[in-house]
PDB file of all heavy atoms in Angstrom:
ATOM      1  N   LEU A   1     -55.966 -37.995 -11.492  1.00  0.00           N
ATOM      2  CA  LEU A   1     -56.178 -38.702 -12.758  1.00  0.00           C
ATOM      3  C   LEU A   1     -54.986 -38.598 -13.698  1.00  0.00           C
ATOM      4  O   LEU A   1     -54.660 -39.531 -14.402  1.00  0.00           O
ATOM      5  CB  LEU A   1     -57.427 -38.176 -13.466  1.00  0.00           C
ATOM      6  CG  LEU A   1     -58.748 -38.422 -12.757  1.00  0.00           C
ATOM      7  CD1 LEU A   1     -59.879 -37.768 -13.541  1.00  0.00           C
ATOM      8  CD2 LEU A   1     -59.012 -39.906 -12.580  1.00  0.00           C
ATOM      9  N   ILE A   2     -54.355 -37.440 -13.723  1.00  0.00           N
ATOM     10  CA  ILE A   2     -53.192 -37.215 -14.586  1.00  0.00           C
ATOM     11  C   ILE A   2     -51.986 -37.008 -13.690  1.00  0.00           C
ATOM     12  O   ILE A   2     -52.007 -36.145 -12.806  1.00  0.00           O
ATOM     13  CB  ILE A   2     -53.386 -35.982 -15.482  1.00  0.00           C
ATOM     14  CG1 ILE A   2     -54.622 -36.159 -16.361  1.00  0.00           C
ATOM     15  CG2 ILE A   2     -52.150 -35.737 -16.323  1.00  0.00           C
ATOM     16  CD1 ILE A   2     -55.005 -34.928 -17.128  1.00  0.00           C
ATOM     17  N   GLY A   3     -50.933 -37.800 -13.885  1.00  0.00           N
ATOM     18  CA  GLY A   3     -49.755 -37.645 -13.055  1.00  0.00           C
ATOM     19  C   GLY A   3     -48.550 -38.341 -13.659  1.00  0.00           C
ATOM     20  O   GLY A   3     -48.683 -39.180 -14.534  1.00  0.00           O
ATOM     21  N   TRP A   4     -47.380 -37.955 -13.194  1.00  0.00           N
ATOM     22  CA  TRP A   4     -46.131 -38.532 -13.650  1.00  0.00           C
ATOM     23  C   TRP A   4     -45.280 -38.860 -12.450  1.00  0.00           C
ATOM     24  O   TRP A   4     -45.240 -38.110 -11.483  1.00  0.00           O
ATOM     25  CB  TRP A   4     -45.370 -37.541 -14.531  1.00  0.00           C
ATOM     26  CG  TRP A   4     -45.984 -37.301 -15.854  1.00  0.00           C
ATOM     27  CD1 TRP A   4     -45.647 -37.913 -17.017  1.00  0.00           C
ATOM     28  CD2 TRP A   4     -47.031 -36.387 -16.178  1.00  0.00           C
ATOM     29  NE1 TRP A   4     -46.421 -37.434 -18.033  1.00  0.00           N
ATOM     30  CE2 TRP A   4     -47.288 -36.493 -17.547  1.00  0.00           C
ATOM     31  CE3 TRP A   4     -47.794 -35.497 -15.442  1.00  0.00           C
ATOM     32  CZ2 TRP A   4     -48.249 -35.746 -18.195  1.00  0.00           C
ATOM     33  CZ3 TRP A   4     -48.764 -34.762 -16.080  1.00  0.00           C
ATOM     34  CH2 TRP A   4     -48.975 -34.886 -17.444  1.00  0.00           C
ATOM     35  N   LYS A   5     -44.554 -39.962 -12.546  1.00  0.00           N
ATOM     36  CA  LYS A   5     -43.597 -40.347 -11.515  1.00  0.00           C
ATOM     37  C   LYS A   5     -42.251 -40.580 -12.192  1.00  0.00           C
ATOM     38  O   LYS A   5     -42.185 -41.171 -13.265  1.00  0.00           O
ATOM     39  CB  LYS A   5     -44.013 -41.641 -10.822  1.00  0.00           C
ATOM     40  CG  LYS A   5     -45.248 -41.531  -9.985  1.00  0.00           C
ATOM     41  CD  LYS A   5     -45.558 -42.862  -9.330  1.00  0.00           C
ATOM     42  CE  LYS A   5     -46.827 -42.797  -8.530  1.00  0.00           C
ATOM     43  NZ  LYS A   5     -47.123 -44.053  -7.840  1.00  0.00           N
ATOM     44  N   TYR A   6     -41.195 -40.107 -11.552  1.00  0.00           N
ATOM     45  CA  TYR A   6     -39.847 -40.321 -12.058  1.00  0.00           C
ATOM     46  C   TYR A   6     -38.980 -40.829 -10.922  1.00  0.00           C
ATOM     47  O   TYR A   6     -38.911 -40.209  -9.861  1.00  0.00           O
ATOM     48  CB  TYR A   6     -39.248 -39.023 -12.618  1.00  0.00           C
ATOM     49  CG  TYR A   6     -40.057 -38.451 -13.747  1.00  0.00           C
ATOM     50  CD1 TYR A   6     -40.854 -37.332 -13.561  1.00  0.00           C
ATOM     51  CD2 TYR A   6     -40.036 -39.047 -14.997  1.00  0.00           C
ATOM     52  CE1 TYR A   6     -41.602 -36.808 -14.601  1.00  0.00           C
ATOM     53  CE2 TYR A   6     -40.786 -38.525 -16.037  1.00  0.00           C
ATOM     54  CZ  TYR A   6     -41.565 -37.405 -15.831  1.00  0.00           C
ATOM     55  OH  TYR A   6     -42.307 -36.907 -16.856  1.00  0.00           O
ATOM     56  N   LYS A   7     -38.311 -41.941 -11.138  1.00  0.00           N
ATOM     57  CA  LYS A   7     -37.370 -42.449 -10.151  1.00  0.00           C
ATOM     58  C   LYS A   7     -36.101 -41.614 -10.206  1.00  0.00           C
ATOM     59  O   LYS A   7     -35.664 -41.196 -11.278  1.00  0.00           O
ATOM     60  CB  LYS A   7     -37.029 -43.907 -10.423  1.00  0.00           C
ATOM     61  CG  LYS A   7     -38.167 -44.856 -10.188  1.00  0.00           C
ATOM     62  CD  LYS A   7     -37.719 -46.277 -10.412  1.00  0.00           C
ATOM     63  CE  LYS A   7     -38.847 -47.243 -10.122  1.00  0.00           C
ATOM     64  NZ  LYS A   7     -38.417 -48.634 -10.276  1.00  0.00           N
ATOM     65  N   LEU A   8     -35.506 -41.397  -9.057  1.00  0.00           N
ATOM     66  CA  LEU A   8     -34.269 -40.632  -8.985  1.00  0.00           C
ATOM     67  C   LEU A   8     -33.186 -41.277  -9.848  1.00  0.00           C
ATOM     68  O   LEU A   8     -32.398 -40.587 -10.490  1.00  0.00           O
ATOM     69  CB  LEU A   8     -33.808 -40.516  -7.537  1.00  0.00           C
ATOM     70  CG  LEU A   8     -32.682 -39.564  -7.241  1.00  0.00           C
ATOM     71  CD1 LEU A   8     -33.032 -38.148  -7.671  1.00  0.00           C
ATOM     72  CD2 LEU A   8     -32.323 -39.588  -5.778  1.00  0.00           C
ATOM     73  N   SER A   9     -33.175 -42.599  -9.913  1.00  0.00           N
ATOM     74  CA  SER A   9     -32.161 -43.301 -10.706  1.00  0.00           C
ATOM     75  C   SER A   9     -32.335 -43.079 -12.208  1.00  0.00           C
ATOM     76  O   SER A   9     -31.415 -43.338 -12.980  1.00  0.00           O
ATOM     77  CB  SER A   9     -32.202 -44.798 -10.395  1.00  0.00           C
ATOM     78  OG  SER A   9     -33.470 -45.339 -10.718  1.00  0.00           O
ATOM     79  N   ASN A  10     -33.500 -42.589 -12.640  1.00  0.00           N
ATOM     80  CA  ASN A  10     -33.744 -42.327 -14.065  1.00  0.00           C
ATOM     81  C   ASN A  10     -33.444 -40.893 -14.468  1.00  0.00           C
ATOM     82  O   ASN A  10     -33.530 -40.554 -15.640  1.00  0.00           O
ATOM     83  CB  ASN A  10     -35.186 -42.666 -14.436  1.00  0.00           C
ATOM     84  CG  ASN A  10     -35.437 -44.150 -14.451  1.00  0.00           C
ATOM     85  OD1 ASN A  10     -34.509 -44.952 -14.561  1.00  0.00           O
ATOM     86  ND2 ASN A  10     -36.682 -44.546 -14.324  1.00  0.00           N
ATOM     87  N   ILE A  11     -33.099 -40.036 -13.528  1.00  0.00           N
ATOM     88  CA  ILE A  11     -32.784 -38.646 -13.842  1.00  0.00           C
ATOM     89  C   ILE A  11     -31.317 -38.547 -14.237  1.00  0.00           C
ATOM     90  O   ILE A  11     -30.443 -38.969 -13.493  1.00  0.00           O
ATOM     91  CB  ILE A  11     -33.103 -37.724 -12.651  1.00  0.00           C
ATOM     92  CG1 ILE A  11     -34.604 -37.762 -12.366  1.00  0.00           C
ATOM     93  CG2 ILE A  11     -32.636 -36.298 -12.927  1.00  0.00           C
ATOM     94  CD1 ILE A  11     -35.021 -36.988 -11.142  1.00  0.00           C
ATOM     95  N   GLU A  12     -31.070 -38.008 -15.430  1.00  0.00           N
ATOM     96  CA  GLU A  12     -29.696 -37.858 -15.921  1.00  0.00           C
ATOM     97  C   GLU A  12     -29.037 -36.598 -15.370  1.00  0.00           C
ATOM     98  O   GLU A  12     -27.876 -36.610 -15.016  1.00  0.00           O
ATOM     99  CB  GLU A  12     -29.692 -37.831 -17.446  1.00  0.00           C
ATOM    100  CG  GLU A  12     -30.130 -39.145 -18.060  1.00  0.00           C
ATOM    101  CD  GLU A  12     -30.202 -39.088 -19.563  1.00  0.00           C
ATOM    102  OE1 GLU A  12     -30.428 -37.996 -20.138  1.00  0.00           O
ATOM    103  OE2 GLU A  12     -30.038 -40.154 -20.183  1.00  0.00           O
ATOM    104  N   TYR A  13     -29.772 -35.483 -15.367  1.00  0.00           N
ATOM    105  CA  TYR A  13     -29.245 -34.245 -14.812  1.00  0.00           C
ATOM    106  C   TYR A  13     -30.387 -33.318 -14.422  1.00  0.00           C
ATOM    107  O   TYR A  13     -31.530 -33.512 -14.821  1.00  0.00           O
ATOM    108  CB  TYR A  13     -28.291 -33.527 -15.774  1.00  0.00           C
ATOM    109  CG  TYR A  13     -28.953 -32.917 -16.983  1.00  0.00           C
ATOM    110  CD1 TYR A  13     -29.593 -31.681 -16.911  1.00  0.00           C
ATOM    111  CD2 TYR A  13     -28.938 -33.561 -18.209  1.00  0.00           C
ATOM    112  CE1 TYR A  13     -30.202 -31.123 -18.021  1.00  0.00           C
ATOM    113  CE2 TYR A  13     -29.535 -33.014 -19.318  1.00  0.00           C
ATOM    114  CZ  TYR A  13     -30.167 -31.786 -19.219  1.00  0.00           C
ATOM    115  OH  TYR A  13     -30.781 -31.240 -20.312  1.00  0.00           O
ATOM    116  N   CYS A  14     -30.046 -32.311 -13.634  1.00  0.00           N
ATOM    117  CA  CYS A  14     -30.983 -31.287 -13.199  1.00  0.00           C
ATOM    118  C   CYS A  14     -30.256 -29.950 -13.265  1.00  0.00           C
ATOM    119  O   CYS A  14     -29.104 -29.854 -12.832  1.00  0.00           O
ATOM    120  CB  CYS A  14     -31.442 -31.575 -11.769  1.00  0.00           C
ATOM    121  SG  CYS A  14     -32.487 -30.295 -11.066  1.00  0.00           S
ATOM    122  N   LYS A  15     -30.913 -28.927 -13.817  1.00  0.00           N
ATOM    123  CA  LYS A  15     -30.288 -27.604 -13.854  1.00  0.00           C
ATOM    124  C   LYS A  15     -31.363 -26.523 -13.736  1.00  0.00           C
ATOM    125  O   LYS A  15     -32.509 -26.725 -14.154  1.00  0.00           O
ATOM    126  CB  LYS A  15     -29.467 -27.408 -15.123  1.00  0.00           C
ATOM    127  CG  LYS A  15     -30.287 -27.338 -16.401  1.00  0.00           C
ATOM    128  CD  LYS A  15     -29.399 -27.100 -17.602  1.00  0.00           C
ATOM    129  CE  LYS A  15     -30.242 -26.965 -18.870  1.00  0.00           C
ATOM    130  NZ  LYS A  15     -29.417 -26.698 -20.038  1.00  0.00           N
ATOM    131  N   PRO A  16     -31.010 -25.363 -13.170  1.00  0.00           N
ATOM    132  CA  PRO A  16     -31.965 -24.259 -13.070  1.00  0.00           C
ATOM    133  C   PRO A  16     -32.117 -23.564 -14.421  1.00  0.00           C
ATOM    134  O   PRO A  16     -31.155 -23.467 -15.190  1.00  0.00           O
ATOM    135  CB  PRO A  16     -31.333 -23.329 -12.035  1.00  0.00           C
ATOM    136  CG  PRO A  16     -29.888 -23.668 -12.035  1.00  0.00           C
ATOM    137  CD  PRO A  16     -29.765 -25.093 -12.482  1.00  0.00           C
ATOM    138  N   ILE A  17     -33.332 -23.097 -14.719  1.00  0.00           N
ATOM    139  CA  ILE A  17     -33.592 -22.377 -15.967  1.00  0.00           C
ATOM    140  C   ILE A  17     -34.566 -21.235 -15.703  1.00  0.00           C
ATOM    141  O   ILE A  17     -35.218 -21.183 -14.667  1.00  0.00           O
ATOM    142  CB  ILE A  17     -34.182 -23.299 -17.063  1.00  0.00           C
ATOM    143  CG1 ILE A  17     -35.508 -23.905 -16.600  1.00  0.00           C
ATOM    144  CG2 ILE A  17     -33.205 -24.384 -17.461  1.00  0.00           C
ATOM    145  CD1 ILE A  17     -36.296 -24.571 -17.720  1.00  0.00           C
ATOM    146  N   SER A  18     -34.667 -20.325 -16.668  1.00  0.00           N
ATOM    147  CA  SER A  18     -35.690 -19.277 -16.687  1.00  0.00           C
ATOM    148  C   SER A  18     -36.437 -19.401 -18.005  1.00  0.00           C
ATOM    149  O   SER A  18     -35.881 -19.855 -19.008  1.00  0.00           O
ATOM    150  CB  SER A  18     -35.053 -17.894 -16.594  1.00  0.00           C
ATOM    151  OG  SER A  18     -34.414 -17.730 -15.359  1.00  0.00           O
ATOM    152  N   TYR A  19     -37.703 -18.991 -18.024  1.00  0.00           N
ATOM    153  CA  TYR A  19     -38.521 -19.115 -19.231  1.00  0.00           C
ATOM    154  C   TYR A  19     -39.534 -17.975 -19.279  1.00  0.00           C
ATOM    155  O   TYR A  19     -39.769 -17.284 -18.279  1.00  0.00           O
ATOM    156  CB  TYR A  19     -39.239 -20.468 -19.257  1.00  0.00           C
ATOM    157  CG  TYR A  19     -40.154 -20.686 -18.081  1.00  0.00           C
ATOM    158  CD1 TYR A  19     -41.480 -20.307 -18.132  1.00  0.00           C
ATOM    159  CD2 TYR A  19     -39.676 -21.242 -16.898  1.00  0.00           C
ATOM    160  CE1 TYR A  19     -42.314 -20.473 -17.045  1.00  0.00           C
ATOM    161  CE2 TYR A  19     -40.503 -21.415 -15.815  1.00  0.00           C
ATOM    162  CZ  TYR A  19     -41.820 -21.037 -15.893  1.00  0.00           C
ATOM    163  OH  TYR A  19     -42.639 -21.197 -14.806  1.00  0.00           O
ATOM    164  N   LEU A  20     -40.148 -17.783 -20.432  1.00  0.00           N
ATOM    165  CA  LEU A  20     -41.209 -16.798 -20.570  1.00  0.00           C
ATOM    166  C   LEU A  20     -42.511 -17.424 -20.082  1.00  0.00           C
ATOM    167  O   LEU A  20     -42.864 -18.524 -20.505  1.00  0.00           O
ATOM    168  CB  LEU A  20     -41.356 -16.367 -22.030  1.00  0.00           C
ATOM    169  CG  LEU A  20     -40.164 -15.617 -22.614  1.00  0.00           C
ATOM    170  CD1 LEU A  20     -40.365 -15.386 -24.105  1.00  0.00           C
ATOM    171  CD2 LEU A  20     -39.960 -14.302 -21.899  1.00  0.00           C
ATOM    172  N   PRO A  21     -43.236 -16.741 -19.201  1.00  0.00           N
ATOM    173  CA  PRO A  21     -44.462 -17.331 -18.641  1.00  0.00           C
ATOM    174  C   PRO A  21     -45.581 -17.424 -19.673  1.00  0.00           C
ATOM    175  O   PRO A  21     -45.734 -16.543 -20.507  1.00  0.00           O
ATOM    176  CB  PRO A  21     -44.835 -16.362 -17.525  1.00  0.00           C
ATOM    177  CG  PRO A  21     -44.221 -15.064 -17.908  1.00  0.00           C
ATOM    178  CD  PRO A  21     -42.971 -15.407 -18.663  1.00  0.00           C
ATOM    179  N   LEU A  22     -46.328 -18.513 -19.608  1.00  0.00           N
ATOM    180  CA  LEU A  22     -47.485 -18.711 -20.488  1.00  0.00           C
ATOM    181  C   LEU A  22     -48.713 -19.126 -19.679  1.00  0.00           C
ATOM    182  O   LEU A  22     -49.584 -19.804 -20.188  1.00  0.00           O
ATOM    183  CB  LEU A  22     -47.178 -19.800 -21.529  1.00  0.00           C
ATOM    184  CG  LEU A  22     -46.159 -19.455 -22.585  1.00  0.00           C
ATOM    185  CD1 LEU A  22     -45.852 -20.655 -23.454  1.00  0.00           C
ATOM    186  CD2 LEU A  22     -46.640 -18.307 -23.461  1.00  0.00           C
ATOM    187  N   GLY A  23     -48.773 -18.741 -18.429  1.00  0.00           N
ATOM    188  CA  GLY A  23     -49.907 -19.113 -17.592  1.00  0.00           C
ATOM    189  C   GLY A  23     -49.540 -20.227 -16.636  1.00  0.00           C
ATOM    190  O   GLY A  23     -48.406 -20.672 -16.567  1.00  0.00           O
ATOM    191  N   TRP A  24     -50.529 -20.679 -15.874  1.00  0.00           N
ATOM    192  CA  TRP A  24     -50.316 -21.700 -14.866  1.00  0.00           C
ATOM    193  C   TRP A  24     -50.784 -23.049 -15.358  1.00  0.00           C
ATOM    194  O   TRP A  24     -51.603 -23.152 -16.254  1.00  0.00           O
ATOM    195  CB  TRP A  24     -51.087 -21.357 -13.609  1.00  0.00           C
ATOM    196  CG  TRP A  24     -50.659 -20.093 -12.949  1.00  0.00           C
ATOM    197  CD1 TRP A  24     -49.559 -19.326 -13.252  1.00  0.00           C
ATOM    198  CD2 TRP A  24     -51.313 -19.431 -11.889  1.00  0.00           C
ATOM    199  NE1 TRP A  24     -49.494 -18.244 -12.434  1.00  0.00           N
ATOM    200  CE2 TRP A  24     -50.569 -18.278 -11.577  1.00  0.00           C
ATOM    201  CE3 TRP A  24     -52.455 -19.685 -11.151  1.00  0.00           C
ATOM    202  CZ2 TRP A  24     -50.937 -17.396 -10.578  1.00  0.00           C
ATOM    203  CZ3 TRP A  24     -52.809 -18.803 -10.151  1.00  0.00           C
ATOM    204  CH2 TRP A  24     -52.055 -17.686  -9.871  1.00  0.00           C
ATOM    205  N   GLY A  25     -50.257 -24.104 -14.749  1.00  0.00           N
ATOM    206  CA  GLY A  25     -50.691 -25.455 -15.071  1.00  0.00           C
ATOM    207  C   GLY A  25     -49.636 -26.232 -15.823  1.00  0.00           C
ATOM    208  O   GLY A  25     -48.457 -25.912 -15.798  1.00  0.00           O
ATOM    209  N   ILE A  26     -50.079 -27.249 -16.526  1.00  0.00           N
ATOM    210  CA  ILE A  26     -49.194 -28.090 -17.324  1.00  0.00           C
ATOM    211  C   ILE A  26     -49.155 -27.517 -18.730  1.00  0.00           C
ATOM    212  O   ILE A  26     -50.189 -27.346 -19.373  1.00  0.00           O
ATOM    213  CB  ILE A  26     -49.690 -29.551 -17.336  1.00  0.00           C
ATOM    214  CG1 ILE A  26     -49.744 -30.093 -15.911  1.00  0.00           C
ATOM    215  CG2 ILE A  26     -48.795 -30.412 -18.225  1.00  0.00           C
ATOM    216  CD1 ILE A  26     -50.431 -31.437 -15.801  1.00  0.00           C
ATOM    217  N   ARG A  27     -47.981 -27.203 -19.205  1.00  0.00           N
ATOM    218  CA  ARG A  27     -47.802 -26.576 -20.518  1.00  0.00           C
ATOM    219  C   ARG A  27     -46.800 -27.369 -21.350  1.00  0.00           C
ATOM    220  O   ARG A  27     -45.784 -27.822 -20.829  1.00  0.00           O
ATOM    221  CB  ARG A  27     -47.274 -25.149 -20.372  1.00  0.00           C
ATOM    222  CG  ARG A  27     -48.135 -24.251 -19.549  1.00  0.00           C
ATOM    223  CD  ARG A  27     -49.266 -23.723 -20.407  1.00  0.00           C
ATOM    224  NE  ARG A  27     -50.021 -22.740 -19.652  1.00  0.00           N
ATOM    225  CZ  ARG A  27     -51.320 -22.821 -19.466  1.00  0.00           C
ATOM    226  NH1 ARG A  27     -51.986 -23.835 -19.958  1.00  0.00           N
ATOM    227  NH2 ARG A  27     -51.956 -21.898 -18.801  1.00  0.00           N
ATOM    228  N   LEU A  28     -47.076 -27.492 -22.622  1.00  0.00           N
ATOM    229  CA  LEU A  28     -46.110 -28.089 -23.549  1.00  0.00           C
ATOM    230  C   LEU A  28     -45.280 -26.976 -24.154  1.00  0.00           C
ATOM    231  O   LEU A  28     -45.815 -25.978 -24.624  1.00  0.00           O
ATOM    232  CB  LEU A  28     -46.826 -28.874 -24.649  1.00  0.00           C
ATOM    233  CG  LEU A  28     -47.540 -30.132 -24.178  1.00  0.00           C
ATOM    234  CD1 LEU A  28     -48.293 -30.764 -25.349  1.00  0.00           C
ATOM    235  CD2 LEU A  28     -46.574 -31.120 -23.580  1.00  0.00           C
ATOM    236  N   ARG A  29     -43.992 -27.142 -24.104  1.00  0.00           N
ATOM    237  CA  ARG A  29     -43.038 -26.208 -24.688  1.00  0.00           C
ATOM    238  C   ARG A  29     -42.249 -26.970 -25.741  1.00  0.00           C
ATOM    239  O   ARG A  29     -42.219 -28.202 -25.716  1.00  0.00           O
ATOM    240  CB  ARG A  29     -42.085 -25.687 -23.608  1.00  0.00           C
ATOM    241  CG  ARG A  29     -42.742 -25.050 -22.391  1.00  0.00           C
ATOM    242  CD  ARG A  29     -43.383 -23.743 -22.729  1.00  0.00           C
ATOM    243  NE  ARG A  29     -42.357 -22.792 -23.085  1.00  0.00           N
ATOM    244  CZ  ARG A  29     -42.254 -21.582 -22.588  1.00  0.00           C
ATOM    245  NH1 ARG A  29     -43.113 -21.157 -21.723  1.00  0.00           N
ATOM    246  NH2 ARG A  29     -41.295 -20.771 -22.982  1.00  0.00           N
ATOM    247  N   PRO A  30     -41.566 -26.291 -26.657  1.00  0.00           N
ATOM    248  CA  PRO A  30     -40.744 -27.014 -27.616  1.00  0.00           C
ATOM    249  C   PRO A  30     -39.685 -27.861 -26.907  1.00  0.00           C
ATOM    250  O   PRO A  30     -38.815 -27.330 -26.221  1.00  0.00           O
ATOM    251  CB  PRO A  30     -40.095 -25.907 -28.447  1.00  0.00           C
ATOM    252  CG  PRO A  30     -41.012 -24.745 -28.301  1.00  0.00           C
ATOM    253  CD  PRO A  30     -41.595 -24.853 -26.917  1.00  0.00           C
ATOM    254  N   GLY A  31     -39.807 -29.160 -26.984  1.00  0.00           N
ATOM    255  CA  GLY A  31     -38.841 -30.073 -26.389  1.00  0.00           C
ATOM    256  C   GLY A  31     -38.991 -30.293 -24.897  1.00  0.00           C
ATOM    257  O   GLY A  31     -38.141 -30.918 -24.284  1.00  0.00           O
ATOM    258  N   ALA A  32     -40.076 -29.758 -24.293  1.00  0.00           N
ATOM    259  CA  ALA A  32     -40.225 -29.888 -22.840  1.00  0.00           C
ATOM    260  C   ALA A  32     -41.695 -29.845 -22.431  1.00  0.00           C
ATOM    261  O   ALA A  32     -42.535 -29.339 -23.162  1.00  0.00           O
ATOM    262  CB  ALA A  32     -39.473 -28.767 -22.131  1.00  0.00           C
ATOM    263  N   ILE A  33     -41.968 -30.385 -21.252  1.00  0.00           N
ATOM    264  CA  ILE A  33     -43.273 -30.248 -20.615  1.00  0.00           C
ATOM    265  C   ILE A  33     -43.047 -29.481 -19.321  1.00  0.00           C
ATOM    266  O   ILE A  33     -42.111 -29.777 -18.569  1.00  0.00           O
ATOM    267  CB  ILE A  33     -43.952 -31.604 -20.373  1.00  0.00           C
ATOM    268  CG1 ILE A  33     -45.352 -31.397 -19.810  1.00  0.00           C
ATOM    269  CG2 ILE A  33     -43.130 -32.500 -19.489  1.00  0.00           C
ATOM    270  CD1 ILE A  33     -46.215 -32.653 -19.823  1.00  0.00           C
ATOM    271  N   LEU A  34     -43.854 -28.443 -19.082  1.00  0.00           N
ATOM    272  CA  LEU A  34     -43.679 -27.545 -17.954  1.00  0.00           C
ATOM    273  C   LEU A  34     -44.809 -27.728 -16.952  1.00  0.00           C
ATOM    274  O   LEU A  34     -45.985 -27.699 -17.320  1.00  0.00           O
ATOM    275  CB  LEU A  34     -43.668 -26.096 -18.447  1.00  0.00           C
ATOM    276  CG  LEU A  34     -43.770 -24.983 -17.412  1.00  0.00           C
ATOM    277  CD1 LEU A  34     -42.562 -24.972 -16.490  1.00  0.00           C
ATOM    278  CD2 LEU A  34     -43.923 -23.631 -18.100  1.00  0.00           C
ATOM    279  N   PHE A  35     -44.437 -27.929 -15.687  1.00  0.00           N
ATOM    280  CA  PHE A  35     -45.388 -27.948 -14.577  1.00  0.00           C
ATOM    281  C   PHE A  35     -45.181 -26.624 -13.843  1.00  0.00           C
ATOM    282  O   PHE A  35     -44.157 -26.439 -13.194  1.00  0.00           O
ATOM    283  CB  PHE A  35     -45.119 -29.120 -13.634  1.00  0.00           C
ATOM    284  CG  PHE A  35     -45.292 -30.450 -14.281  1.00  0.00           C
ATOM    285  CD1 PHE A  35     -44.229 -31.074 -14.903  1.00  0.00           C
ATOM    286  CD2 PHE A  35     -46.524 -31.076 -14.293  1.00  0.00           C
ATOM    287  CE1 PHE A  35     -44.378 -32.312 -15.508  1.00  0.00           C
ATOM    288  CE2 PHE A  35     -46.688 -32.318 -14.892  1.00  0.00           C
ATOM    289  CZ  PHE A  35     -45.617 -32.934 -15.497  1.00  0.00           C
ATOM    290  N   ASN A  36     -46.139 -25.693 -13.959  1.00  0.00           N
ATOM    291  CA  ASN A  36     -45.934 -24.342 -13.475  1.00  0.00           C
ATOM    292  C   ASN A  36     -47.106 -23.874 -12.621  1.00  0.00           C
ATOM    293  O   ASN A  36     -48.254 -24.133 -12.953  1.00  0.00           O
ATOM    294  CB  ASN A  36     -45.774 -23.400 -14.664  1.00  0.00           C
ATOM    295  CG  ASN A  36     -45.503 -21.991 -14.247  1.00  0.00           C
ATOM    296  OD1 ASN A  36     -44.861 -21.754 -13.246  1.00  0.00           O
ATOM    297  ND2 ASN A  36     -46.003 -21.051 -15.018  1.00  0.00           N
ATOM    298  N   VAL A  37     -46.800 -23.172 -11.523  1.00  0.00           N
ATOM    299  CA  VAL A  37     -47.842 -22.541 -10.728  1.00  0.00           C
ATOM    300  C   VAL A  37     -47.683 -21.027 -10.692  1.00  0.00           C
ATOM    301  O   VAL A  37     -48.666 -20.315 -10.556  1.00  0.00           O
ATOM    302  CB  VAL A  37     -47.893 -23.102  -9.287  1.00  0.00           C
ATOM    303  CG1 VAL A  37     -48.415 -24.513  -9.293  1.00  0.00           C
ATOM    304  CG2 VAL A  37     -46.560 -23.029  -8.621  1.00  0.00           C
ATOM    305  N   SER A  38     -46.483 -20.513 -10.798  1.00  0.00           N
ATOM    306  CA  SER A  38     -46.265 -19.073 -10.873  1.00  0.00           C
ATOM    307  C   SER A  38     -44.805 -18.803 -11.206  1.00  0.00           C
ATOM    308  O   SER A  38     -43.959 -19.677 -11.090  1.00  0.00           O
ATOM    309  CB  SER A  38     -46.626 -18.394  -9.549  1.00  0.00           C
ATOM    310  OG  SER A  38     -45.716 -18.774  -8.555  1.00  0.00           O
ATOM    311  N   GLY A  39     -44.523 -17.579 -11.605  1.00  0.00           N
ATOM    312  CA  GLY A  39     -43.144 -17.167 -11.819  1.00  0.00           C
ATOM    313  C   GLY A  39     -42.578 -17.553 -13.170  1.00  0.00           C
ATOM    314  O   GLY A  39     -43.277 -18.028 -14.059  1.00  0.00           O
ATOM    315  N   THR A  40     -41.271 -17.331 -13.285  1.00  0.00           N
ATOM    316  CA  THR A  40     -40.561 -17.587 -14.547  1.00  0.00           C
ATOM    317  C   THR A  40     -39.313 -18.429 -14.340  1.00  0.00           C
ATOM    318  O   THR A  40     -38.435 -18.450 -15.192  1.00  0.00           O
ATOM    319  CB  THR A  40     -40.151 -16.260 -15.206  1.00  0.00           C
ATOM    320  OG1 THR A  40     -39.264 -15.567 -14.315  1.00  0.00           O
ATOM    321  CG2 THR A  40     -41.347 -15.399 -15.527  1.00  0.00           C
ATOM    322  N   LYS A  41     -39.222 -19.100 -13.203  1.00  0.00           N
ATOM    323  CA  LYS A  41     -38.053 -19.921 -12.898  1.00  0.00           C
ATOM    324  C   LYS A  41     -38.472 -21.367 -12.727  1.00  0.00           C
ATOM    325  O   LYS A  41     -39.576 -21.661 -12.286  1.00  0.00           O
ATOM    326  CB  LYS A  41     -37.368 -19.436 -11.623  1.00  0.00           C
ATOM    327  CG  LYS A  41     -36.824 -18.036 -11.718  1.00  0.00           C
ATOM    328  CD  LYS A  41     -36.205 -17.619 -10.422  1.00  0.00           C
ATOM    329  CE  LYS A  41     -35.706 -16.194 -10.483  1.00  0.00           C
ATOM    330  NZ  LYS A  41     -35.148 -15.780  -9.186  1.00  0.00           N
ATOM    331  N   ALA A  42     -37.550 -22.270 -13.068  1.00  0.00           N
ATOM    332  CA  ALA A  42     -37.847 -23.702 -12.970  1.00  0.00           C
ATOM    333  C   ALA A  42     -36.545 -24.486 -12.910  1.00  0.00           C
ATOM    334  O   ALA A  42     -35.460 -23.928 -13.065  1.00  0.00           O
ATOM    335  CB  ALA A  42     -38.664 -24.155 -14.178  1.00  0.00           C
ATOM    336  N   ILE A  43     -36.690 -25.788 -12.694  1.00  0.00           N
ATOM    337  CA  ILE A  43     -35.566 -26.695 -12.890  1.00  0.00           C
ATOM    338  C   ILE A  43     -35.882 -27.538 -14.117  1.00  0.00           C
ATOM    339  O   ILE A  43     -37.044 -27.776 -14.435  1.00  0.00           O
ATOM    340  CB  ILE A  43     -35.311 -27.606 -11.665  1.00  0.00           C
ATOM    341  CG1 ILE A  43     -36.541 -28.438 -11.317  1.00  0.00           C
ATOM    342  CG2 ILE A  43     -34.806 -26.809 -10.498  1.00  0.00           C
ATOM    343  CD1 ILE A  43     -36.276 -29.554 -10.333  1.00  0.00           C
TER     344      ILE A  43
END
C-alpha cells in the first residue's frame, strides 16, 4: 500500500552514512526519510 520508486536517472548522488538508531521501519529525520530494518549504517 505504501511504497516509493526512484528511477536511476533521477538519482543525483549516493553516499554511505551513519546515524543514531531510532527503531525499525520508515522514519522521518530532519531533511531525510529513513527506510531501516537494523543497524546504524545506510546510504
